[in-house]
Amino acid sequence: MFGYKIMGNKLLVFCLLAIGIVILFLVLDILPQTPRSRKDLAIAYLMKGDPEKAKAEFTIVTELNPNEKGVHLPLGLYYLDREEYDKAKLEFEKEIEIDPEQFAAYHNLGRIYTQINNYKEAEKYFLKTVEINPDYVLARQDLVVLYFSQNKHPQAIAQLKELLRIQKPEAMHPQIIKILEIYAKEAAFQ
């Protein structure tokens, strides 16, 4: 009789464990269907270095909730990295529609317009970026390079001054340092 009790308890524990596993799988199957959990999973894939799986998860999030904040920006970056500029633009524009203060989306639109040689549009988006976030180093650097390449020296110098306000020269991109050196040499001759 004692043996049956042990067998019965083991069977009970086994059944409870099996039920727990089934419930766990059901919960895990249901949870990833929420936009938030899918977004978290996509971010985890990005951190792991798997952009393809991240893109798939972000795409599912947009299907579950097209207006989910913070989803279209990484999708835009995905397309930008692959030089699919039209798709990237749509994603960044959607992110701005959802969150008009998303300065990184404006900055990346500026990067796209720089790539396709539409410097007037690039300037507009870079300026919007620094209007929202005056201390955003990447946009300031892009403005310096944009103005310098177009011989708009007063604007380039103004952006360099702002850049120097927020970043030490030794931390600057080498291209920016070269521009800074050129302006410094010109100033020494005047």
C-alpha atoms as a PDB file:
ATOM      1  CA  MET A   1       0.000   0.000   0.000  1.00  0.00           C
ATOM      2  CA  PHE A   2       2.875   2.334   0.813  1.00  0.00           C
ATOM      3  CA  GLY A   3       4.281   1.774  -2.708  1.00  0.00           C
ATOM      4  CA  TYR A   4       0.969   2.844  -4.266  1.00  0.00           C
ATOM      5  CA  LYS A   5       1.038   6.081  -2.278  1.00  0.00           C
ATOM      6  CA  ILE A   6       4.534   6.921  -3.542  1.00  0.00           C
ATOM      7  CA  MET A   7       3.550   5.966  -7.097  1.00  0.00           C
ATOM      8  CA  GLY A   8       0.358   8.006  -6.733  1.00  0.00           C
ATOM      9  CA  ASN A   9       2.278  11.032  -5.463  1.00  0.00           C
ATOM     10  CA  LYS A  10       4.836  10.707  -8.244  1.00  0.00           C
ATOM     11  CA  LEU A  11       2.050  10.429 -10.803  1.00  0.00           C
ATOM     12  CA  LEU A  12       0.329  13.462  -9.294  1.00  0.00           C
ATOM     13  CA  VAL A  13       3.577  15.479  -9.386  1.00  0.00           C
ATOM     14  CA  PHE A  14       4.192  14.344 -12.960  1.00  0.00           C
ATOM     15  CA  CYS A  15       0.655  15.340 -14.013  1.00  0.00           C
ATOM     16  CA  LEU A  16       0.945  18.723 -12.289  1.00  0.00           C
ATOM     17  CA  LEU A  17       4.303  19.291 -13.961  1.00  0.00           C
ATOM     18  CA  ALA A  18       2.877  18.322 -17.361  1.00  0.00           C
ATOM     19  CA  ILE A  19      -0.093  20.671 -16.863  1.00  0.00           C
ATOM     20  CA  GLY A  20       2.305  23.450 -15.833  1.00  0.00           C
ATOM     21  CA  ILE A  21       4.359  22.942 -18.977  1.00  0.00           C
ATOM     22  CA  VAL A  22       1.238  23.015 -21.160  1.00  0.00           C
ATOM     23  CA  ILE A  23       0.085  26.245 -19.460  1.00  0.00           C
ATOM     24  CA  LEU A  24       3.548  27.747 -19.907  1.00  0.00           C
ATOM     25  CA  PHE A  25       3.514  26.971 -23.635  1.00  0.00           C
ATOM     26  CA  LEU A  26       0.026  28.437 -23.947  1.00  0.00           C
ATOM     27  CA  VAL A  27       1.115  31.609 -22.155  1.00  0.00           C
ATOM     28  CA  LEU A  28       4.271  31.884 -24.249  1.00  0.00           C
ATOM     29  CA  ASP A  29       2.213  31.364 -27.378  1.00  0.00           C
ATOM     30  CA  ILE A  30      -0.274  34.090 -26.390  1.00  0.00           C
ATOM     31  CA  LEU A  31       2.183  36.674 -24.977  1.00  0.00           C
ATOM     32  CA  PRO A  32       4.206  37.230 -28.130  1.00  0.00           C
ATOM     33  CA  GLN A  33       0.992  38.349 -29.836  1.00  0.00           C
ATOM     34  CA  THR A  34       0.910  41.634 -27.907  1.00  0.00           C
ATOM     35  CA  PRO A  35       2.603  44.547 -29.653  1.00  0.00           C
ATOM     36  CA  ARG A  36       4.730  45.324 -26.589  1.00  0.00           C
ATOM     37  CA  SER A  37       6.097  41.794 -26.247  1.00  0.00           C
ATOM     38  CA  ARG A  38       6.774  41.545 -29.982  1.00  0.00           C
ATOM     39  CA  LYS A  39       8.558  44.897 -29.859  1.00  0.00           C
ATOM     40  CA  ASP A  40      10.668  43.667 -26.926  1.00  0.00           C
ATOM     41  CA  LEU A  41      11.485  40.517 -28.857  1.00  0.00           C
ATOM     42  CA  ALA A  42      12.484  42.575 -31.912  1.00  0.00           C
ATOM     43  CA  ILE A  43      14.775  44.717 -29.767  1.00  0.00           C
ATOM     44  CA  ALA A  44      16.322  41.565 -28.315  1.00  0.00           C
ATOM     45  CA  TYR A  45      17.007  40.330 -31.853  1.00  0.00           C
ATOM     46  CA  LEU A  46      18.639  43.669 -32.701  1.00  0.00           C
ATOM     47  CA  MET A  47      20.852  43.467 -29.628  1.00  0.00           C
ATOM     48  CA  LYS A  48      21.739  39.895 -30.552  1.00  0.00           C
ATOM     49  CA  GLY A  49      22.764  41.099 -34.013  1.00  0.00           C
ATOM     50  CA  ASP A  50      19.964  39.494 -36.002  1.00  0.00           C
ATOM     51  CA  PRO A  51      18.332  42.308 -38.028  1.00  0.00           C
ATOM     52  CA  GLU A  52      16.293  39.940 -40.205  1.00  0.00           C
ATOM     53  CA  LYS A  53      14.424  38.456 -37.238  1.00  0.00           C
ATOM     54  CA  ALA A  54      14.107  41.925 -35.696  1.00  0.00           C
ATOM     55  CA  LYS A  55      12.558  43.239 -38.914  1.00  0.00           C
ATOM     56  CA  ALA A  56      10.100  40.338 -38.966  1.00  0.00           C
ATOM     57  CA  GLU A  57       9.026  41.070 -35.387  1.00  0.00           C
ATOM     58  CA  PHE A  58       8.766  44.826 -35.958  1.00  0.00           C
ATOM     59  CA  THR A  59       6.647  44.117 -39.040  1.00  0.00           C
ATOM     60  CA  ILE A  60       4.301  41.963 -36.943  1.00  0.00           C
ATOM     61  CA  VAL A  61       4.035  44.802 -34.422  1.00  0.00           C
ATOM     62  CA  THR A  62       2.989  47.189 -37.202  1.00  0.00           C
ATOM     63  CA  GLU A  63       0.330  44.687 -38.268  1.00  0.00           C
ATOM     64  CA  LEU A  64      -0.961  44.358 -34.694  1.00  0.00           C
ATOM     65  CA  ASN A  65      -0.795  48.107 -34.008  1.00  0.00           C
ATOM     66  CA  PRO A  66       0.188  50.336 -36.943  1.00  0.00           C
ATOM     67  CA  ASN A  67       0.561  53.329 -34.604  1.00  0.00           C
ATOM     68  CA  GLU A  68       2.909  51.686 -32.112  1.00  0.00           C
ATOM     69  CA  LYS A  69       5.512  54.262 -31.086  1.00  0.00           C
ATOM     70  CA  GLY A  70       9.152  53.370 -31.655  1.00  0.00           C
ATOM     71  CA  VAL A  71       8.616  50.651 -34.247  1.00  0.00           C
ATOM     72  CA  HIS A  72       8.913  52.474 -37.549  1.00  0.00           C
ATOM     73  CA  LEU A  73      12.282  54.044 -36.663  1.00  0.00           C
ATOM     74  CA  PRO A  74      14.162  50.708 -36.478  1.00  0.00           C
ATOM     75  CA  LEU A  75      12.342  49.498 -39.594  1.00  0.00           C
ATOM     76  CA  GLY A  76      13.481  52.655 -41.364  1.00  0.00           C
ATOM     77  CA  LEU A  77      17.051  52.026 -40.204  1.00  0.00           C
ATOM     78  CA  TYR A  78      16.796  48.470 -41.509  1.00  0.00           C
ATOM     79  CA  TYR A  79      15.858  49.748 -44.969  1.00  0.00           C
ATOM     80  CA  LEU A  80      18.361  52.618 -44.833  1.00  0.00           C
ATOM     81  CA  ASP A  81      21.201  50.161 -44.153  1.00  0.00           C
ATOM     82  CA  ARG A  82      20.146  48.268 -47.281  1.00  0.00           C
ATOM     83  CA  GLU A  83      19.875  51.486 -49.308  1.00  0.00           C
ATOM     84  CA  GLU A  84      16.148  50.957 -49.824  1.00  0.00           C
ATOM     85  CA  TYR A  85      15.550  54.683 -49.481  1.00  0.00           C
ATOM     86  CA  ASP A  86      11.885  54.813 -50.487  1.00  0.00           C
ATOM     87  CA  LYS A  87      10.914  52.192 -47.907  1.00  0.00           C
ATOM     88  CA  ALA A  88      13.114  53.849 -45.278  1.00  0.00           C
ATOM     89  CA  LYS A  89      11.523  57.258 -45.938  1.00  0.00           C
ATOM     90  CA  LEU A  90       8.038  55.810 -45.495  1.00  0.00           C
ATOM     91  CA  GLU A  91       8.999  54.263 -42.162  1.00  0.00           C
ATOM     92  CA  PHE A  92      10.651  57.434 -40.837  1.00  0.00           C
ATOM     93  CA  GLU A  93       7.697  59.547 -41.963  1.00  0.00           C
ATOM     94  CA  LYS A  94       5.297  57.161 -40.224  1.00  0.00           C
ATOM     95  CA  GLU A  95       7.380  57.382 -37.022  1.00  0.00           C
ATOM     96  CA  ILE A  96       7.206  61.197 -37.195  1.00  0.00           C
ATOM     97  CA  GLU A  97       3.446  61.011 -37.757  1.00  0.00           C
ATOM     98  CA  ILE A  98       3.136  58.937 -34.570  1.00  0.00           C
ATOM     99  CA  ASP A  99       5.760  60.888 -32.593  1.00  0.00           C
ATOM    100  CA  PRO A 100       6.504  64.370 -34.008  1.00  0.00           C
ATOM    101  CA  GLU A 101       9.343  64.820 -31.499  1.00  0.00           C
ATOM    102  CA  GLN A 102      11.266  61.757 -32.721  1.00  0.00           C
ATOM    103  CA  PHE A 103      14.419  63.638 -33.714  1.00  0.00           C
ATOM    104  CA  ALA A 104      16.263  60.521 -34.894  1.00  0.00           C
ATOM    105  CA  ALA A 105      13.632  59.971 -37.600  1.00  0.00           C
ATOM    106  CA  TYR A 106      14.171  63.527 -38.891  1.00  0.00           C
ATOM    107  CA  HIS A 107      17.930  63.018 -38.792  1.00  0.00           C
ATOM    108  CA  ASN A 108      17.700  59.812 -40.804  1.00  0.00           C
ATOM    109  CA  LEU A 109      15.470  61.489 -43.386  1.00  0.00           C
ATOM    110  CA  GLY A 110      18.253  64.058 -43.712  1.00  0.00           C
ATOM    111  CA  ARG A 111      20.741  61.238 -44.242  1.00  0.00           C
ATOM    112  CA  ILE A 112      18.559  59.779 -46.997  1.00  0.00           C
ATOM    113  CA  TYR A 113      18.267  63.123 -48.774  1.00  0.00           C
ATOM    114  CA  THR A 114      22.042  63.550 -48.521  1.00  0.00           C
ATOM    115  CA  GLN A 115      22.521  60.136 -50.145  1.00  0.00           C
ATOM    116  CA  ILE A 116      20.255  61.055 -53.052  1.00  0.00           C
ATOM    117  CA  ASN A 117      21.918  64.502 -53.392  1.00  0.00           C
ATOM    118  CA  ASN A 118      18.874  66.521 -52.384  1.00  0.00           C
ATOM    119  CA  TYR A 119      20.802  68.836 -50.082  1.00  0.00           C
ATOM    120  CA  LYS A 120      18.011  71.351 -49.585  1.00  0.00           C
ATOM    121  CA  GLU A 121      15.754  68.646 -48.111  1.00  0.00           C
ATOM    122  CA  ALA A 122      18.660  67.187 -46.136  1.00  0.00           C
ATOM    123  CA  GLU A 123      19.349  70.584 -44.593  1.00  0.00           C
ATOM    124  CA  LYS A 124      15.666  70.992 -43.701  1.00  0.00           C
ATOM    125  CA  TYR A 125      15.586  67.672 -41.847  1.00  0.00           C
ATOM    126  CA  PHE A 126      18.927  68.174 -40.099  1.00  0.00           C
ATOM    127  CA  LEU A 127      17.798  71.612 -38.912  1.00  0.00           C
ATOM    128  CA  LYS A 128      14.522  70.135 -37.654  1.00  0.00           C
ATOM    129  CA  THR A 129      16.558  67.542 -35.772  1.00  0.00           C
ATOM    130  CA  VAL A 130      18.622  70.144 -33.922  1.00  0.00           C
ATOM    131  CA  GLU A 131      15.523  72.258 -33.333  1.00  0.00           C
ATOM    132  CA  ILE A 132      14.054  69.332 -31.386  1.00  0.00           C
ATOM    133  CA  ASN A 133      17.353  68.238 -29.833  1.00  0.00           C
ATOM    134  CA  PRO A 134      19.994  71.006 -29.963  1.00  0.00           C
ATOM    135  CA  ASP A 135      22.657  68.714 -28.485  1.00  0.00           C
ATOM    136  CA  TYR A 136      22.321  65.916 -31.034  1.00  0.00           C
ATOM    137  CA  VAL A 137      25.938  65.550 -32.165  1.00  0.00           C
ATOM    138  CA  LEU A 138      25.318  63.483 -35.301  1.00  0.00           C
ATOM    139  CA  ALA A 139      22.964  66.057 -36.816  1.00  0.00           C
ATOM    140  CA  ARG A 140      25.381  68.886 -35.994  1.00  0.00           C
ATOM    141  CA  GLN A 141      28.198  66.950 -37.662  1.00  0.00           C
ATOM    142  CA  ASP A 142      26.068  66.302 -40.726  1.00  0.00           C
ATOM    143  CA  LEU A 143      25.204  69.989 -40.950  1.00  0.00           C
ATOM    144  CA  VAL A 144      28.898  70.950 -40.765  1.00  0.00           C
ATOM    145  CA  VAL A 145      29.768  68.541 -43.579  1.00  0.00           C
ATOM    146  CA  LEU A 146      26.743  69.586 -45.652  1.00  0.00           C
ATOM    147  CA  TYR A 147      27.492  73.303 -45.363  1.00  0.00           C
ATOM    148  CA  PHE A 148      31.234  72.837 -45.877  1.00  0.00           C
ATOM    149  CA  SER A 149      30.686  70.739 -49.024  1.00  0.00           C
ATOM    150  CA  GLN A 150      28.440  73.482 -50.419  1.00  0.00           C
ATOM    151  CA  ASN A 151      30.884  76.283 -49.536  1.00  0.00           C
ATOM    152  CA  LYS A 152      28.385  77.746 -47.066  1.00  0.00           C
ATOM    153  CA  HIS A 153      31.176  78.660 -44.709  1.00  0.00           C
ATOM    154  CA  PRO A 154      29.332  80.974 -42.296  1.00  0.00           C
ATOM    155  CA  GLN A 155      26.706  78.287 -41.671  1.00  0.00           C
ATOM    156  CA  ALA A 156      29.381  75.586 -41.322  1.00  0.00           C
ATOM    157  CA  ILE A 157      31.274  77.702 -38.806  1.00  0.00           C
ATOM    158  CA  ALA A 158      28.083  78.376 -36.820  1.00  0.00           C
ATOM    159  CA  GLN A 159      27.413  74.634 -36.638  1.00  0.00           C
ATOM    160  CA  LEU A 160      31.048  73.968 -35.688  1.00  0.00           C
ATOM    161  CA  LYS A 161      30.700  76.408 -32.799  1.00  0.00           C
ATOM    162  CA  GLU A 162      27.587  74.579 -31.612  1.00  0.00           C
ATOM    163  CA  LEU A 163      29.377  71.279 -32.011  1.00  0.00           C
ATOM    164  CA  LEU A 164      32.312  72.534 -29.946  1.00  0.00           C
ATOM    165  CA  ARG A 165      29.839  73.588 -27.272  1.00  0.00           C
ATOM    166  CA  ILE A 166      28.540  70.024 -26.909  1.00  0.00           C
ATOM    167  CA  GLN A 167      31.541  67.875 -27.843  1.00  0.00           C
ATOM    168  CA  LYS A 168      35.280  67.978 -27.234  1.00  0.00           C
ATOM    169  CA  PRO A 169      37.381  68.111 -30.423  1.00  0.00           C
ATOM    170  CA  GLU A 170      39.192  64.865 -29.590  1.00  0.00           C
ATOM    171  CA  ALA A 171      35.837  63.051 -29.604  1.00  0.00           C
ATOM    172  CA  MET A 172      34.843  64.384 -33.021  1.00  0.00           C
ATOM    173  CA  HIS A 173      34.686  62.457 -36.247  1.00  0.00           C
ATOM    174  CA  PRO A 174      37.977  62.724 -38.228  1.00  0.00           C
ATOM    175  CA  GLN A 175      36.176  64.444 -41.106  1.00  0.00           C
ATOM    176  CA  ILE A 176      34.931  67.155 -38.726  1.00  0.00           C
ATOM    177  CA  ILE A 177      38.427  67.601 -37.285  1.00  0.00           C
ATOM    178  CA  LYS A 178      39.810  68.169 -40.814  1.00  0.00           C
ATOM    179  CA  ILE A 179      37.157  70.812 -41.473  1.00  0.00           C
ATOM    180  CA  LEU A 180      37.931  72.426 -38.126  1.00  0.00           C
ATOM    181  CA  GLU A 181      41.643  72.492 -38.991  1.00  0.00           C
ATOM    182  CA  ILE A 182      40.927  74.103 -42.375  1.00  0.00           C
ATOM    183  CA  TYR A 183      38.892  76.857 -40.740  1.00  0.00           C
ATOM    184  CA  ALA A 184      41.525  77.323 -38.038  1.00  0.00           C
ATOM    185  CA  LYS A 185      44.269  77.765 -40.681  1.00  0.00           C
ATOM    186  CA  GLU A 186      42.139  80.244 -42.617  1.00  0.00           C
ATOM    187  CA  ALA A 187      41.473  82.209 -39.431  1.00  0.00           C
ATOM    188  CA  ALA A 188      45.227  82.350 -38.702  1.00  0.00           C
ATOM    189  CA  PHE A 189      45.895  83.987 -42.095  1.00  0.00           C
ATOM    190  CA  GLN A 190      43.294  86.710 -41.558  1.00  0.00           C
END
